[in-house]
Amino acid sequence: MALFFDSQWFDSRLASAGLKRADAAAALGLTETEIAELWKDQRELSAQDVRLMAALLGAAREEVAKRAGISTPVPKDGESLDKRVTRLEHDLGEIKAALAKLGARP
């Protein structure tokens, strides 16, 4: 994973799409000063920003998050926070049950 914002990659992707940084700023609802902060790695993309940039650039969200140098999990389509928590609680219950079985062995 990149440890910094890969401005060259973003500029290249924008150029390939016939877009400029100002277009990215408009898509994200940022000023040109704020978008410049992103490019200088002084501002971090939010999960929503990752979604929007991915759509704008025609790139996978995972790639956008990686190139932006963020470690925030990339949200999945249609998976709400409640569904994620429910799934994680279920998985945790299964892990606890498996550990309990291991502990009960002679």
Protein backbone atom coordinates (compact mmCIF):
# COMPACT_ATOMS: atom_id res chain seq x y z
CA MET A 1 0.00 0.00 0.00
CA ALA A 2 1.24 3.45 -0.80
CA LEU A 3 2.25 5.52 2.18
CA PHE A 4 1.54 8.80 0.45
CA PHE A 5 -0.82 10.35 -2.06
CA ASP A 6 0.32 9.30 -5.54
CA SER A 7 -0.30 12.61 -7.31
CA GLN A 8 1.26 11.42 -10.58
CA TRP A 9 -1.16 8.48 -10.77
CA PHE A 10 -4.17 10.72 -10.04
CA ASP A 11 -3.02 13.34 -12.57
CA SER A 12 -2.51 10.63 -15.19
CA ARG A 13 -5.95 9.12 -14.56
CA LEU A 14 -7.59 12.54 -14.70
CA ALA A 15 -5.80 13.35 -17.97
CA SER A 16 -6.85 10.00 -19.46
CA ALA A 17 -10.45 10.89 -18.66
CA GLY A 18 -10.06 14.38 -20.14
CA LEU A 19 -10.40 15.93 -16.69
CA LYS A 20 -8.44 18.34 -14.51
CA ARG A 21 -7.94 18.72 -10.77
CA ALA A 22 -10.71 21.34 -10.77
CA ASP A 23 -13.10 18.64 -12.01
CA ALA A 24 -12.05 16.35 -9.15
CA ALA A 25 -12.57 19.22 -6.71
CA ALA A 26 -16.06 19.84 -8.06
CA ALA A 27 -16.94 16.12 -7.87
CA LEU A 28 -15.80 15.96 -4.25
CA GLY A 29 -17.38 19.27 -3.28
CA LEU A 30 -13.97 20.74 -2.45
CA THR A 31 -12.32 24.01 -3.31
CA GLU A 32 -9.25 24.01 -5.52
CA THR A 33 -7.20 24.83 -2.41
CA GLU A 34 -8.61 21.76 -0.65
CA ILE A 35 -7.92 19.51 -3.66
CA ALA A 36 -4.35 20.84 -3.73
CA GLU A 37 -4.04 19.74 -0.10
CA LEU A 38 -5.00 16.21 -1.19
CA TRP A 39 -2.35 16.23 -3.90
CA LYS A 40 0.25 17.44 -1.37
CA ASP A 41 -0.79 14.68 1.07
CA GLN A 42 -2.02 17.23 3.61
CA ARG A 43 -5.62 16.02 3.52
CA GLU A 44 -7.07 12.50 3.51
CA LEU A 45 -9.84 11.14 1.34
CA SER A 46 -12.93 9.94 3.18
CA ALA A 47 -14.67 6.68 2.26
CA GLN A 48 -17.24 8.69 0.29
CA ASP A 49 -14.42 10.57 -1.48
CA VAL A 50 -12.88 7.22 -2.47
CA ARG A 51 -16.21 6.13 -3.99
CA LEU A 52 -16.57 9.38 -5.92
CA MET A 53 -12.96 9.42 -7.16
CA ALA A 54 -13.24 5.79 -8.27
CA ALA A 55 -16.35 6.60 -10.28
CA LEU A 56 -14.80 9.76 -11.71
CA LEU A 57 -11.58 8.00 -12.73
CA GLY A 58 -13.11 4.69 -13.77
CA ALA A 59 -10.87 2.91 -11.28
CA ALA A 60 -11.45 0.35 -8.54
CA ARG A 61 -12.05 1.81 -5.09
CA GLU A 62 -9.27 -0.35 -3.71
CA GLU A 63 -6.83 1.17 -6.20
CA VAL A 64 -7.95 4.72 -5.39
CA ALA A 65 -7.58 4.08 -1.64
CA LYS A 66 -4.14 2.53 -2.18
CA ARG A 67 -2.95 5.38 -4.40
CA ALA A 68 -4.32 7.93 -1.93
CA GLY A 69 -2.16 6.39 0.78
CA ILE A 70 -5.00 5.68 3.15
CA SER A 71 -5.52 2.57 5.19
CA THR A 72 -9.22 3.05 5.76
CA PRO A 73 -11.24 0.01 4.68
CA VAL A 74 -12.96 0.55 1.37
CA PRO A 75 -16.72 0.19 1.81
CA LYS A 76 -18.55 -2.51 -0.13
CA ASP A 77 -21.57 -1.66 -2.28
CA GLY A 78 -24.84 -2.03 -0.43
CA GLU A 79 -23.32 -3.15 2.86
CA SER A 80 -24.54 -0.90 5.63
CA LEU A 81 -22.77 -0.47 8.92
CA ASP A 82 -25.51 -2.49 10.63
CA LYS A 83 -24.99 -5.40 8.23
CA ARG A 84 -21.23 -5.25 8.74
CA VAL A 85 -21.60 -5.27 12.53
CA THR A 86 -24.07 -8.17 12.36
CA ARG A 87 -21.72 -10.14 10.11
CA LEU A 88 -18.75 -9.43 12.38
CA GLU A 89 -20.71 -10.43 15.50
CA HIS A 90 -21.70 -13.69 13.79
CA ASP A 91 -18.10 -14.39 12.79
CA LEU A 92 -16.90 -13.60 16.31
CA GLY A 93 -19.48 -16.02 17.75
CA GLU A 94 -18.19 -18.78 15.47
CA ILE A 95 -14.60 -18.08 16.48
CA LYS A 96 -15.49 -18.15 20.18
CA ALA A 97 -17.36 -21.44 19.74
CA ALA A 98 -14.38 -22.97 17.92
CA LEU A 99 -11.99 -21.78 20.63
CA ALA A 100 -14.25 -23.18 23.34
CA LYS A 101 -14.22 -26.58 21.61
CA LEU A 102 -10.42 -26.49 21.46
CA GLY A 103 -10.24 -25.62 25.17
CA ALA A 104 -12.55 -28.51 26.06
CA ARG A 105 -10.23 -31.13 24.55
CA PRO A 106 -8.40 -33.40 27.00
